[in-house]
PDB file of N, CA and C in Angstrom:
ATOM      1  N   MET A   1      34.592  66.872 142.294  1.00  0.00           N
ATOM      2  CA  MET A   1      35.246  66.949 143.538  1.00  0.00           C
ATOM      3  C   MET A   1      35.853  65.626 143.970  1.00  0.00           C
ATOM      4  N   LYS A   2      35.162  64.532 143.692  1.00  0.00           N
ATOM      5  CA  LYS A   2      35.711  63.230 143.999  1.00  0.00           C
ATOM      6  C   LYS A   2      37.033  62.980 143.226  1.00  0.00           C
ATOM      7  N   ARG A   3      37.026  63.411 141.951  1.00  0.00           N
ATOM      8  CA  ARG A   3      38.289  63.207 141.161  1.00  0.00           C
ATOM      9  C   ARG A   3      39.421  64.004 141.791  1.00  0.00           C
ATOM     10  N   LEU A   4      39.214  65.218 142.208  1.00  0.00           N
ATOM     11  CA  LEU A   4      40.258  66.001 142.804  1.00  0.00           C
ATOM     12  C   LEU A   4      40.782  65.403 144.076  1.00  0.00           C
ATOM     13  N   ILE A   5      39.921  64.824 144.851  1.00  0.00           N
ATOM     14  CA  ILE A   5      40.291  64.173 146.168  1.00  0.00           C
ATOM     15  C   ILE A   5      41.119  62.927 145.806  1.00  0.00           C
ATOM     16  N   SER A   6      40.688  62.143 144.850  1.00  0.00           N
ATOM     17  CA  SER A   6      41.413  60.953 144.516  1.00  0.00           C
ATOM     18  C   SER A   6      42.805  61.205 143.887  1.00  0.00           C
ATOM     19  N   ILE A   7      42.875  62.249 143.088  1.00  0.00           N
ATOM     20  CA  ILE A   7      44.203  62.643 142.501  1.00  0.00           C
ATOM     21  C   ILE A   7      45.155  63.111 143.605  1.00  0.00           C
ATOM     22  N   LEU A   8      44.620  63.939 144.536  1.00  0.00           N
ATOM     23  CA  LEU A   8      45.477  64.402 145.653  1.00  0.00           C
ATOM     24  C   LEU A   8      45.919  63.290 146.569  1.00  0.00           C
ATOM     25  N   SER A   9      45.044  62.399 146.831  1.00  0.00           N
ATOM     26  CA  SER A   9      45.441  61.261 147.720  1.00  0.00           C
ATOM     27  C   SER A   9      46.451  60.324 147.022  1.00  0.00           C
ATOM     28  N   LEU A  10      46.378  60.182 145.755  1.00  0.00           N
ATOM     29  CA  LEU A  10      47.382  59.440 145.024  1.00  0.00           C
ATOM     30  C   LEU A  10      48.687  60.188 145.027  1.00  0.00           C
ATOM     31  N   GLY A  11      48.666  61.545 144.937  1.00  0.00           N
ATOM     32  CA  GLY A  11      49.838  62.336 144.931  1.00  0.00           C
ATOM     33  C   GLY A  11      50.560  62.267 146.212  1.00  0.00           C
ATOM     34  N   TRP A  12      49.835  62.182 147.373  1.00  0.00           N
ATOM     35  CA  TRP A  12      50.480  62.027 148.669  1.00  0.00           C
ATOM     36  C   TRP A  12      51.083  60.679 148.896  1.00  0.00           C
ATOM     37  N   ALA A  13      50.456  59.679 148.293  1.00  0.00           N
ATOM     38  CA  ALA A  13      50.912  58.305 148.556  1.00  0.00           C
ATOM     39  C   ALA A  13      52.261  58.011 147.904  1.00  0.00           C
ATOM     40  N   VAL A  14      52.472  58.597 146.646  1.00  0.00           N
ATOM     41  CA  VAL A  14      53.633  58.318 145.858  1.00  0.00           C
ATOM     42  C   VAL A  14      54.948  58.812 146.542  1.00  0.00           C
ATOM     43  N   PRO A  15      55.014  60.014 147.084  1.00  0.00           N
ATOM     44  CA  PRO A  15      56.276  60.404 147.802  1.00  0.00           C
ATOM     45  C   PRO A  15      56.554  59.588 149.019  1.00  0.00           C
ATOM     46  N   ALA A  16      55.575  59.090 149.636  1.00  0.00           N
ATOM     47  CA  ALA A  16      55.764  58.344 150.865  1.00  0.00           C
ATOM     48  C   ALA A  16      56.517  56.998 150.537  1.00  0.00           C
ATOM     49  N   PHE A  17      56.264  56.406 149.407  1.00  0.00           N
ATOM     50  CA  PHE A  17      56.811  55.101 149.067  1.00  0.00           C
ATOM     51  C   PHE A  17      57.785  55.216 147.844  1.00  0.00           C
ATOM     52  N   GLY A  18      58.201  56.392 147.535  1.00  0.00           N
ATOM     53  CA  GLY A  18      59.034  56.599 146.317  1.00  0.00           C
ATOM     54  C   GLY A  18      60.435  56.105 146.434  1.00  0.00           C
ATOM     55  N   GLN A  19      61.066  56.158 147.596  1.00  0.00           N
ATOM     56  CA  GLN A  19      62.492  55.870 147.763  1.00  0.00           C
ATOM     57  C   GLN A  19      62.743  54.966 148.916  1.00  0.00           C
ATOM     58  N   PRO A  20      62.201  53.771 148.951  1.00  0.00           N
ATOM     59  CA  PRO A  20      62.505  52.874 150.071  1.00  0.00           C
ATOM     60  C   PRO A  20      63.873  52.218 149.893  1.00  0.00           C
ATOM     61  N   GLY A  21      64.555  52.016 150.956  1.00  0.00           N
ATOM     62  CA  GLY A  21      65.800  51.196 150.958  1.00  0.00           C
ATOM     63  C   GLY A  21      67.010  51.943 150.511  1.00  0.00           C
ATOM     64  N   ILE A  22      67.057  53.262 150.637  1.00  0.00           N
ATOM     65  CA  ILE A  22      68.258  53.981 150.270  1.00  0.00           C
ATOM     66  C   ILE A  22      69.404  53.624 151.129  1.00  0.00           C
ATOM     67  N   ASP A  23      69.199  53.460 152.399  1.00  0.00           N
ATOM     68  CA  ASP A  23      70.322  53.059 153.276  1.00  0.00           C
ATOM     69  C   ASP A  23      70.796  51.674 152.904  1.00  0.00           C
ATOM     70  N   GLU A  24      69.917  50.787 152.552  1.00  0.00           N
ATOM     71  CA  GLU A  24      70.307  49.466 152.160  1.00  0.00           C
ATOM     72  C   GLU A  24      71.125  49.493 150.889  1.00  0.00           C
ATOM     73  N   MET A  25      70.791  50.363 149.982  1.00  0.00           N
ATOM     74  CA  MET A  25      71.546  50.429 148.692  1.00  0.00           C
ATOM     75  C   MET A  25      72.926  50.949 148.943  1.00  0.00           C
ATOM     76  N   HIS A  26      73.065  51.951 149.845  1.00  0.00           N
ATOM     77  CA  HIS A  26      74.381  52.417 150.156  1.00  0.00           C
ATOM     78  C   HIS A  26      75.239  51.342 150.900  1.00  0.00           C
ATOM     79  N   GLN A  27      74.597  50.579 151.724  1.00  0.00           N
ATOM     80  CA  GLN A  27      75.291  49.458 152.399  1.00  0.00           C
ATOM     81  C   GLN A  27      75.756  48.424 151.404  1.00  0.00           C
ATOM     82  N   ALA A  28      74.852  48.020 150.467  1.00  0.00           N
ATOM     83  CA  ALA A  28      75.203  47.013 149.422  1.00  0.00           C
ATOM     84  C   ALA A  28      76.356  47.596 148.554  1.00  0.00           C
ATOM     85  N   SER A  29      76.294  48.849 148.255  1.00  0.00           N
ATOM     86  CA  SER A  29      77.403  49.379 147.378  1.00  0.00           C
ATOM     87  C   SER A  29      78.713  49.356 148.143  1.00  0.00           C
ATOM     88  N   GLN A  30      78.683  49.652 149.421  1.00  0.00           N
ATOM     89  CA  GLN A  30      79.897  49.641 150.228  1.00  0.00           C
ATOM     90  C   GLN A  30      80.478  48.202 150.425  1.00  0.00           C
ATOM     91  N   GLN A  31      79.563  47.292 150.559  1.00  0.00           N
ATOM     92  CA  GLN A  31      79.982  45.845 150.660  1.00  0.00           C
ATOM     93  C   GLN A  31      80.593  45.362 149.382  1.00  0.00           C
ATOM     94  N   LEU A  32      79.949  45.810 148.143  1.00  0.00           N
ATOM     95  CA  LEU A  32      80.501  45.437 146.945  1.00  0.00           C
ATOM     96  C   LEU A  32      81.889  46.027 146.688  1.00  0.00           C
ATOM     97  N   THR A  33      82.073  47.239 147.114  1.00  0.00           N
ATOM     98  CA  THR A  33      83.364  47.899 147.027  1.00  0.00           C
ATOM     99  C   THR A  33      84.401  47.162 147.839  1.00  0.00           C
ATOM    100  N   SER A  34      84.105  46.826 149.069  1.00  0.00           N
ATOM    101  CA  SER A  34      85.086  46.175 149.867  1.00  0.00           C
ATOM    102  C   SER A  34      85.422  44.747 149.402  1.00  0.00           C
ATOM    103  N   SER A  35      84.480  44.074 148.955  1.00  0.00           N
ATOM    104  CA  SER A  35      84.748  42.734 148.467  1.00  0.00           C
ATOM    105  C   SER A  35      85.380  42.728 147.064  1.00  0.00           C
ATOM    106  N   PHE A  36      85.044  43.759 146.268  1.00  0.00           N
ATOM    107  CA  PHE A  36      85.597  43.784 144.911  1.00  0.00           C
ATOM    108  C   PHE A  36      87.092  43.955 144.847  1.00  0.00           C
ATOM    109  N   PHE A  37      87.622  44.819 145.789  1.00  0.00           N
ATOM    110  CA  PHE A  37      89.026  45.031 145.751  1.00  0.00           C
ATOM    111  C   PHE A  37      89.797  43.816 146.146  1.00  0.00           C
ATOM    112  N   SER A  38      89.191  42.996 146.998  1.00  0.00           N
ATOM    113  CA  SER A  38      89.881  41.695 147.252  1.00  0.00           C
ATOM    114  C   SER A  38      89.774  40.846 146.069  1.00  0.00           C
ATOM    115  N   ALA A  39      88.692  40.817 145.266  1.00  0.00           N
ATOM    116  CA  ALA A  39      88.627  40.045 144.056  1.00  0.00           C
ATOM    117  C   ALA A  39      89.581  40.528 142.964  1.00  0.00           C
ATOM    118  N   PHE A  40      89.794  41.828 142.916  1.00  0.00           N
ATOM    119  CA  PHE A  40      90.768  42.360 141.980  1.00  0.00           C
ATOM    120  C   PHE A  40      92.136  41.955 142.371  1.00  0.00           C
ATOM    121  N   ASP A  41      92.469  41.994 143.634  1.00  0.00           N
ATOM    122  CA  ASP A  41      93.784  41.523 144.112  1.00  0.00           C
ATOM    123  C   ASP A  41      93.947  40.048 143.842  1.00  0.00           C
ATOM    124  N   CYS A  42      92.888  39.278 144.024  1.00  0.00           N
ATOM    125  CA  CYS A  42      92.878  37.878 143.744  1.00  0.00           C
ATOM    126  C   CYS A  42      93.266  37.619 142.278  1.00  0.00           C
ATOM    127  N   SER A  43      92.717  38.446 141.374  1.00  0.00           N
ATOM    128  CA  SER A  43      93.000  38.203 139.942  1.00  0.00           C
ATOM    129  C   SER A  43      94.488  38.527 139.668  1.00  0.00           C
ATOM    130  N   LEU A  44      94.998  39.445 140.356  1.00  0.00           N
ATOM    131  CA  LEU A  44      96.451  39.814 140.166  1.00  0.00           C
ATOM    132  C   LEU A  44      97.339  38.661 140.723  1.00  0.00           C
ATOM    133  N   ILE A  45      96.951  38.153 141.852  1.00  0.00           N
ATOM    134  CA  ILE A  45      97.654  37.054 142.434  1.00  0.00           C
ATOM    135  C   ILE A  45      97.629  35.827 141.578  1.00  0.00           C
ATOM    136  N   LEU A  46      96.433  35.513 141.011  1.00  0.00           N
ATOM    137  CA  LEU A  46      96.317  34.343 140.128  1.00  0.00           C
ATOM    138  C   LEU A  46      97.189  34.538 138.872  1.00  0.00           C
ATOM    139  N   ALA A  47      97.290  35.786 138.373  1.00  0.00           N
ATOM    140  CA  ALA A  47      98.089  36.069 137.179  1.00  0.00           C
ATOM    141  C   ALA A  47      99.592  35.837 137.535  1.00  0.00           C
ATOM    142  N   ALA A  48      99.990  36.225 138.744  1.00  0.00           N
ATOM    143  CA  ALA A  48     101.389  35.998 139.110  1.00  0.00           C
ATOM    144  C   ALA A  48     101.648  34.466 139.286  1.00  0.00           C
ATOM    145  N   ILE A  49     100.664  33.803 139.814  1.00  0.00           N
ATOM    146  CA  ILE A  49     100.854  32.326 139.955  1.00  0.00           C
ATOM    147  C   ILE A  49     100.960  31.654 138.579  1.00  0.00           C
ATOM    148  N   PHE A  50     100.065  32.088 137.631  1.00  0.00           N
ATOM    149  CA  PHE A  50     100.189  31.514 136.288  1.00  0.00           C
ATOM    150  C   PHE A  50     101.513  31.868 135.631  1.00  0.00           C
ATOM    151  N   GLY A  51     102.059  33.057 135.836  1.00  0.00           N
ATOM    152  CA  GLY A  51     103.327  33.435 135.298  1.00  0.00           C
ATOM    153  C   GLY A  51     104.459  32.581 135.844  1.00  0.00           C
ATOM    154  N   ILE A  52     104.480  32.479 137.181  1.00  0.00           N
ATOM    155  CA  ILE A  52     105.592  31.699 137.809  1.00  0.00           C
ATOM    156  C   ILE A  52     105.489  30.244 137.398  1.00  0.00           C
ATOM    157  N   THR A  53     104.304  29.661 137.453  1.00  0.00           N
ATOM    158  CA  THR A  53     104.081  28.259 137.126  1.00  0.00           C
ATOM    159  C   THR A  53     104.465  28.013 135.624  1.00  0.00           C
ATOM    160  N   GLY A  54     104.043  28.897 134.808  1.00  0.00           N
ATOM    161  CA  GLY A  54     104.357  28.769 133.330  1.00  0.00           C
ATOM    162  C   GLY A  54     105.862  28.858 133.130  1.00  0.00           C
ATOM    163  N   ALA A  55     106.537  29.768 133.824  1.00  0.00           N
ATOM    164  CA  ALA A  55     107.956  29.908 133.662  1.00  0.00           C
ATOM    165  C   ALA A  55     108.705  28.556 134.074  1.00  0.00           C
ATOM    166  N   LEU A  56     108.228  28.083 135.226  1.00  0.00           N
ATOM    167  CA  LEU A  56     108.861  26.803 135.689  1.00  0.00           C
ATOM    168  C   LEU A  56     108.677  25.686 134.764  1.00  0.00           C
ATOM    169  N   ARG A  57     107.414  25.549 134.238  1.00  0.00           N
ATOM    170  CA  ARG A  57     107.130  24.418 133.335  1.00  0.00           C
ATOM    171  C   ARG A  57     107.898  24.563 132.035  1.00  0.00           C
ATOM    172  N   ILE A  58     107.974  25.799 131.530  1.00  0.00           N
ATOM    173  CA  ILE A  58     108.760  25.980 130.303  1.00  0.00           C
ATOM    174  C   ILE A  58     110.201  25.705 130.520  1.00  0.00           C
ATOM    175  N   TYR A  59     110.809  26.174 131.608  1.00  0.00           N
ATOM    176  CA  TYR A  59     112.172  25.864 131.909  1.00  0.00           C
ATOM    177  C   TYR A  59     112.403  24.399 132.014  1.00  0.00           C
ATOM    178  N   HIS A  60     111.509  23.716 132.686  1.00  0.00           N
ATOM    179  CA  HIS A  60     111.637  22.248 132.847  1.00  0.00           C
ATOM    180  C   HIS A  60     111.613  21.555 131.498  1.00  0.00           C
ATOM    181  N   ASN A  61     110.635  21.946 130.652  1.00  0.00           N
ATOM    182  CA  ASN A  61     110.561  21.304 129.250  1.00  0.00           C
ATOM    183  C   ASN A  61     111.803  21.673 128.476  1.00  0.00           C
ATOM    184  N   TRP A  62     112.359  22.824 128.650  1.00  0.00           N
ATOM    185  CA  TRP A  62     113.548  23.213 127.864  1.00  0.00           C
ATOM    186  C   TRP A  62     114.734  22.432 128.303  1.00  0.00           C
ATOM    187  N   GLN A  63     114.850  22.188 129.616  1.00  0.00           N
ATOM    188  CA  GLN A  63     115.928  21.409 130.141  1.00  0.00           C
ATOM    189  C   GLN A  63     115.799  19.919 129.824  1.00  0.00           C
ATOM    190  N   MET A  64     114.632  19.456 129.560  1.00  0.00           N
ATOM    191  CA  MET A  64     114.405  18.042 129.200  1.00  0.00           C
ATOM    192  C   MET A  64     114.571  17.827 127.716  1.00  0.00           C
ATOM    193  N   GLY A  65     114.869  18.824 126.961  1.00  0.00           N
ATOM    194  CA  GLY A  65     115.209  18.636 125.578  1.00  0.00           C
ATOM    195  C   GLY A  65     114.033  19.007 124.606  1.00  0.00           C
ATOM    196  N   LYS A  66     112.900  19.461 125.105  1.00  0.00           N
ATOM    197  CA  LYS A  66     111.811  19.821 124.254  1.00  0.00           C
ATOM    198  C   LYS A  66     112.140  21.297 123.816  1.00  0.00           C
ATOM    199  N   ARG A  67     112.452  21.417 122.453  1.00  0.00           N
ATOM    200  CA  ARG A  67     112.814  22.695 121.952  1.00  0.00           C
ATOM    201  C   ARG A  67     111.684  23.509 121.372  1.00  0.00           C
ATOM    202  N   GLU A  68     110.590  22.826 121.102  1.00  0.00           N
ATOM    203  CA  GLU A  68     109.409  23.561 120.576  1.00  0.00           C
ATOM    204  C   GLU A  68     108.518  23.918 121.686  1.00  0.00           C
ATOM    205  N   ILE A  69     108.802  25.096 122.261  1.00  0.00           N
ATOM    206  CA  ILE A  69     108.018  25.549 123.402  1.00  0.00           C
ATOM    207  C   ILE A  69     107.187  26.810 123.124  1.00  0.00           C
ATOM    208  N   THR A  70     107.149  27.266 121.877  1.00  0.00           N
ATOM    209  CA  THR A  70     106.452  28.497 121.646  1.00  0.00           C
ATOM    210  C   THR A  70     104.921  28.449 121.989  1.00  0.00           C
ATOM    211  N   THR A  71     104.340  27.313 121.754  1.00  0.00           N
ATOM    212  CA  THR A  71     102.893  27.220 122.125  1.00  0.00           C
ATOM    213  C   THR A  71     102.700  27.259 123.683  1.00  0.00           C
ATOM    214  N   ASP A  72     103.649  26.612 124.394  1.00  0.00           N
ATOM    215  CA  ASP A  72     103.588  26.663 125.799  1.00  0.00           C
ATOM    216  C   ASP A  72     103.782  28.084 126.346  1.00  0.00           C
ATOM    217  N   VAL A  73     104.736  28.802 125.789  1.00  0.00           N
ATOM    218  CA  VAL A  73     105.047  30.187 126.145  1.00  0.00           C
ATOM    219  C   VAL A  73     103.790  31.032 125.932  1.00  0.00           C
ATOM    220  N   ALA A  74     103.147  30.930 124.792  1.00  0.00           N
ATOM    221  CA  ALA A  74     101.993  31.679 124.408  1.00  0.00           C
ATOM    222  C   ALA A  74     100.834  31.354 125.387  1.00  0.00           C
ATOM    223  N   ALA A  75     100.638  30.092 125.624  1.00  0.00           N
ATOM    224  CA  ALA A  75      99.534  29.652 126.453  1.00  0.00           C
ATOM    225  C   ALA A  75      99.623  30.257 127.899  1.00  0.00           C
ATOM    226  N   TRP A  76     100.791  30.101 128.547  1.00  0.00           N
ATOM    227  CA  TRP A  76     100.968  30.650 129.904  1.00  0.00           C
ATOM    228  C   TRP A  76     100.920  32.185 129.913  1.00  0.00           C
ATOM    229  N   PHE A  77     101.534  32.761 128.924  1.00  0.00           N
ATOM    230  CA  PHE A  77     101.562  34.225 128.837  1.00  0.00           C
ATOM    231  C   PHE A  77     100.158  34.776 128.732  1.00  0.00           C
ATOM    232  N   TYR A  78      99.341  34.214 127.853  1.00  0.00           N
ATOM    233  CA  TYR A  78      97.973  34.699 127.636  1.00  0.00           C
ATOM    234  C   TYR A  78      97.005  34.336 128.830  1.00  0.00           C
ATOM    235  N   ALA A  79      97.355  33.333 129.516  1.00  0.00           N
ATOM    236  CA  ALA A  79      96.567  32.988 130.741  1.00  0.00           C
ATOM    237  C   ALA A  79      96.813  34.070 131.769  1.00  0.00           C
ATOM    238  N   ALA A  80      98.063  34.524 131.891  1.00  0.00           N
ATOM    239  CA  ALA A  80      98.328  35.542 132.870  1.00  0.00           C
ATOM    240  C   ALA A  80      97.755  36.890 132.459  1.00  0.00           C
ATOM    241  N   ILE A  81      97.883  37.232 131.162  1.00  0.00           N
ATOM    242  CA  ILE A  81      97.312  38.474 130.662  1.00  0.00           C
ATOM    243  C   ILE A  81      95.830  38.480 130.785  1.00  0.00           C
ATOM    244  N   PHE A  82      95.150  37.285 130.527  1.00  0.00           N
ATOM    245  CA  PHE A  82      93.726  37.242 130.695  1.00  0.00           C
ATOM    246  C   PHE A  82      93.276  37.516 132.137  1.00  0.00           C
ATOM    247  N   MET A  83      94.010  37.042 133.114  1.00  0.00           N
ATOM    248  CA  MET A  83      93.624  37.270 134.493  1.00  0.00           C
ATOM    249  C   MET A  83      93.795  38.794 134.835  1.00  0.00           C
ATOM    250  N   VAL A  84      94.850  39.426 134.365  1.00  0.00           N
ATOM    251  CA  VAL A  84      95.053  40.830 134.661  1.00  0.00           C
ATOM    252  C   VAL A  84      93.975  41.648 134.013  1.00  0.00           C
ATOM    253  N   LEU A  85      93.593  41.332 132.733  1.00  0.00           N
ATOM    254  CA  LEU A  85      92.559  42.083 132.051  1.00  0.00           C
ATOM    255  C   LEU A  85      91.153  41.753 132.582  1.00  0.00           C
ATOM    256  N   ALA A  86      90.970  40.549 133.137  1.00  0.00           N
ATOM    257  CA  ALA A  86      89.636  40.226 133.705  1.00  0.00           C
ATOM    258  C   ALA A  86      89.425  41.086 134.977  1.00  0.00           C
ATOM    259  N   GLY A  87      90.494  41.256 135.778  1.00  0.00           N
ATOM    260  CA  GLY A  87      90.402  42.112 136.920  1.00  0.00           C
ATOM    261  C   GLY A  87      90.071  43.550 136.566  1.00  0.00           C
ATOM    262  N   ALA A  88      90.788  44.100 135.534  1.00  0.00           N
ATOM    263  CA  ALA A  88      90.543  45.429 135.088  1.00  0.00           C
ATOM    264  C   ALA A  88      89.135  45.572 134.446  1.00  0.00           C
ATOM    265  N   PHE A  89      88.721  44.511 133.766  1.00  0.00           N
ATOM    266  CA  PHE A  89      87.362  44.617 133.131  1.00  0.00           C
ATOM    267  C   PHE A  89      86.285  44.638 134.232  1.00  0.00           C
ATOM    268  N   LEU A  90      86.433  43.820 135.325  1.00  0.00           N
ATOM    269  CA  LEU A  90      85.477  43.849 136.424  1.00  0.00           C
ATOM    270  C   LEU A  90      85.480  45.161 137.118  1.00  0.00           C
ATOM    271  N   ARG A  91      86.672  45.748 137.273  1.00  0.00           N
ATOM    272  CA  ARG A  91      86.721  47.051 137.861  1.00  0.00           C
ATOM    273  C   ARG A  91      85.982  48.111 137.056  1.00  0.00           C
ATOM    274  N   ALA A  92      86.152  48.065 135.726  1.00  0.00           N
ATOM    275  CA  ALA A  92      85.461  49.005 134.843  1.00  0.00           C
ATOM    276  C   ALA A  92      83.936  48.743 134.818  1.00  0.00           C
ATOM    277  N   LEU A  93      83.608  47.456 134.872  1.00  0.00           N
ATOM    278  CA  LEU A  93      82.187  47.070 134.739  1.00  0.00           C
ATOM    279  C   LEU A  93      81.402  47.534 135.977  1.00  0.00           C
ATOM    280  N   PHE A  94      81.970  47.421 137.109  1.00  0.00           N
ATOM    281  CA  PHE A  94      81.262  47.807 138.310  1.00  0.00           C
ATOM    282  C   PHE A  94      81.507  49.291 138.674  1.00  0.00           C
ATOM    283  N   GLY A  95      82.346  49.950 137.941  1.00  0.00           N
ATOM    284  CA  GLY A  95      82.588  51.383 138.131  1.00  0.00           C
ATOM    285  C   GLY A  95      83.308  51.670 139.440  1.00  0.00           C
ATOM    286  N   ILE A  96      84.190  50.803 139.881  1.00  0.00           N
ATOM    287  CA  ILE A  96      84.874  51.003 141.145  1.00  0.00           C
ATOM    288  C   ILE A  96      86.274  51.448 140.853  1.00  0.00           C
TER     289      ILE A  96
END
């Protein structure tokens, strides 16, 4: 009989403490969603800044007579692509 009472008392205690903080989890998820979209937009803005800066630097080097600019073009292009893909990767990682 003691065993039955102890098993039943444990069974009642588990549902009472099984799901604490559900409201907090929803709130945290909503905060992550609102701040993540601004982070994704920030990555796109940084990619645009890298593209514009790279284009201006390459144009300046070309006008100054430096004809070997393929490494500069690749470096700035891949920096911008990396920022775009980093934003997309974060969006996929967090499932937003």
